[in-house]
Protein backbone atom coordinates (compact mmCIF):
# COMPACT_ATOMS: atom_id res chain seq x y z
CA UNK A 1 84.85 98.96 117.72
CA UNK A 2 83.50 101.62 116.42
CA UNK A 3 85.06 104.35 113.84
CA UNK A 4 83.60 107.80 114.65
CA UNK A 5 83.42 111.34 111.82
CA UNK A 6 82.83 114.39 113.85
CA UNK A 7 81.25 116.59 111.99
CA UNK A 8 80.41 120.21 113.03
CA UNK A 9 77.88 122.63 111.74
CA UNK A 10 78.73 126.38 111.66
CA UNK A 11 76.70 129.33 111.02
CA UNK A 12 77.90 133.24 111.47
CA UNK A 13 75.95 135.92 112.64
CA UNK A 14 75.34 137.17 108.81
CA UNK A 15 73.79 133.09 108.06
CA UNK A 16 76.14 131.76 105.85
CA UNK A 17 77.28 128.00 106.72
CA UNK A 18 80.25 125.81 107.14
CA UNK A 19 81.43 122.11 107.95
CA UNK A 20 84.11 120.76 110.30
CA UNK A 21 84.62 117.50 109.53
CA UNK A 22 87.16 115.63 111.68
CA UNK A 23 89.27 113.60 109.89
CA UNK A 24 88.21 113.26 107.03
CA UNK A 25 90.29 110.29 106.04
CA UNK A 26 89.12 107.30 108.40
CA UNK A 27 90.86 103.81 108.52
CA UNK A 28 88.66 100.84 109.02
CA UNK A 29 89.52 96.97 108.63
CA UNK A 30 87.20 93.98 109.36
CA UNK A 31 88.27 93.85 112.40
CA UNK A 32 90.20 95.42 115.25
CA UNK A 33 93.34 94.23 117.11
CA UNK A 34 91.16 92.21 119.72
CA UNK A 35 89.15 90.98 116.67
CA UNK A 36 86.07 92.63 117.02
CA UNK A 37 84.06 93.62 113.87
CA UNK A 38 84.57 97.29 112.91
CA UNK A 39 81.63 100.11 112.11
CA UNK A 40 82.10 103.67 110.66
CA UNK A 41 79.51 106.26 112.24
CA UNK A 42 79.07 109.73 111.27
CA UNK A 43 77.86 111.60 113.99
CA UNK A 44 76.90 115.62 113.45
CA UNK A 45 76.68 118.16 115.91
CA UNK A 46 76.06 121.78 115.70
CA UNK A 47 78.67 124.29 117.12
CA UNK A 48 77.05 125.64 120.61
CA UNK A 49 77.86 129.45 119.24
CA UNK A 50 75.49 129.02 116.21
CA UNK A 51 72.52 131.87 116.02
CA UNK A 52 69.44 130.57 117.13
CA UNK A 53 70.63 127.72 119.80
CA UNK A 54 69.37 125.79 121.44
CA UNK A 55 65.89 126.69 120.62
CA UNK A 56 66.04 126.38 116.31
CA UNK A 57 68.49 124.18 115.40
CA UNK A 58 69.88 124.89 111.79
CA UNK A 59 70.32 121.43 110.70
CA UNK A 60 67.34 119.30 109.01
CA UNK A 61 69.02 115.64 107.59
CA UNK A 62 72.25 114.36 107.40
CA UNK A 63 73.29 112.09 104.73
CA UNK A 64 76.24 110.28 103.42
CA UNK A 65 76.72 108.56 100.62
CA UNK A 66 79.42 106.46 98.73
CA UNK A 67 78.85 106.34 94.60
CA UNK A 68 81.81 103.59 94.05
CA UNK A 69 80.36 100.05 94.98
CA UNK A 70 80.41 98.19 96.72
CA UNK A 71 82.18 100.10 99.63
CA UNK A 72 84.01 98.04 102.69
CA UNK A 73 80.05 98.18 104.58
CA UNK A 74 78.05 97.05 101.72
CA UNK A 75 75.71 94.08 102.39
CA UNK A 76 74.66 92.02 99.22
CA UNK A 77 73.12 88.64 98.03
CA UNK A 78 75.11 86.27 96.78
CA UNK A 79 75.04 86.23 93.11
CA UNK A 80 73.50 89.96 93.68
CA UNK A 81 75.51 93.17 91.97
CA UNK A 82 75.99 95.82 94.43
CA UNK A 83 73.49 99.07 94.22
CA UNK A 84 74.94 101.42 92.20
CA UNK A 85 75.09 103.81 94.92
CA UNK A 86 75.02 103.41 98.82
CA UNK A 87 73.35 105.89 101.27
CA UNK A 88 73.23 106.22 104.86
CA UNK A 89 70.75 108.92 106.09
CA UNK A 90 69.03 110.99 109.32
CA UNK A 91 67.11 113.48 110.09
CA UNK A 92 68.45 115.82 112.48
CA UNK A 93 66.97 116.73 115.88
CA UNK A 94 67.96 119.21 118.84
CA UNK A 95 70.84 116.50 119.25
CA UNK A 96 72.34 116.63 116.36
CA UNK A 97 72.13 113.45 113.56
CA UNK A 98 74.26 109.72 113.82
CA UNK A 99 74.64 107.33 110.96
CA UNK A 100 76.00 104.12 111.15
CA UNK A 101 77.40 101.46 108.76
CA UNK A 102 76.87 97.72 108.98
CA UNK A 103 80.26 95.74 110.08
CA UNK A 104 83.03 96.27 107.28
CA UNK A 105 83.49 93.49 105.36
CA UNK A 106 86.84 91.74 104.10
CA UNK A 107 87.59 92.68 100.48
CA UNK A 108 90.41 91.43 99.52
CA UNK A 109 92.68 88.07 100.11
CA UNK A 110 96.20 90.14 100.46
CA UNK A 111 96.98 91.21 103.75
CA UNK A 112 98.48 93.89 102.90
CA UNK A 113 95.66 95.26 100.40
CA UNK A 114 94.47 98.76 100.79
CA UNK A 115 91.58 100.84 99.49
CA UNK A 116 90.58 103.91 99.28
CA UNK A 117 86.46 105.12 98.96
CA UNK A 118 85.43 108.29 98.42
CA UNK A 119 82.25 109.33 99.49
CA UNK A 120 79.86 112.34 100.26
CA UNK A 121 78.73 114.13 103.82
CA UNK A 122 75.59 116.09 102.82
CA UNK A 123 74.14 118.34 105.27
CA UNK A 124 70.91 120.44 104.83
CA UNK A 125 69.50 122.94 106.99
CA UNK A 126 66.17 124.36 107.95
CA UNK A 127 66.93 127.36 105.16
CA UNK A 128 66.97 124.94 102.69
CA UNK A 129 70.69 125.30 102.02
CA UNK A 130 72.85 122.28 101.03
CA UNK A 131 76.46 122.10 102.40
CA UNK A 132 78.42 118.68 100.86
CA UNK A 133 82.32 117.74 101.97
CA UNK A 134 83.97 114.78 100.10
CA UNK A 135 86.41 112.69 102.49
CA UNK A 136 87.40 109.33 101.94
CA UNK A 137 87.25 106.09 103.98
CA UNK A 138 90.48 103.92 103.96
CA UNK A 139 90.14 100.78 103.40
CA UNK A 140 92.72 98.07 104.68
CA UNK A 141 92.47 94.32 105.31
CA UNK A 142 94.98 93.57 108.32
CA UNK A 143 93.24 94.78 111.98
CA UNK A 144 93.49 98.03 112.87
CA UNK A 145 95.14 98.67 116.36
CA UNK A 146 94.29 101.57 118.83
CA UNK A 147 98.06 103.24 117.09
CA UNK A 148 96.26 103.27 114.05
CA UNK A 149 93.11 105.47 115.86
CA UNK A 150 96.12 107.61 116.74
CA UNK A 151 97.52 108.14 114.19
CA UNK A 152 94.34 109.27 111.88
């Protein structure tokens, strides 16, 4: 199963930008209710009403970064420390940009364990502006179900 965070870049007629992010808090778990691994994908798209589209997209790059490591997505060799920061990045094109994590790892032996991970979404524009949003990933040990998805 893949959880998706949708990011929309908005631009008004005077050149001001904003970001819409849904959901702001995303719940992930190592497995879904059918026993399949779970990963997370961030999708950046531009609002189709933005000035200049479709000929001149405004977004240049999407970057998602975690400063609290290890994250539910960290891939660390045994005996090695986690990296100081975890980052996923992709250039934008006419269709937007997408980044995806490795499958969610198990972080705790307690079946009822829940942890929050704050992260940063950075969207760079072609006119050298940077837009930042700081949402959360909610990790839980027990499986996520379709009902969980509807609550997010």
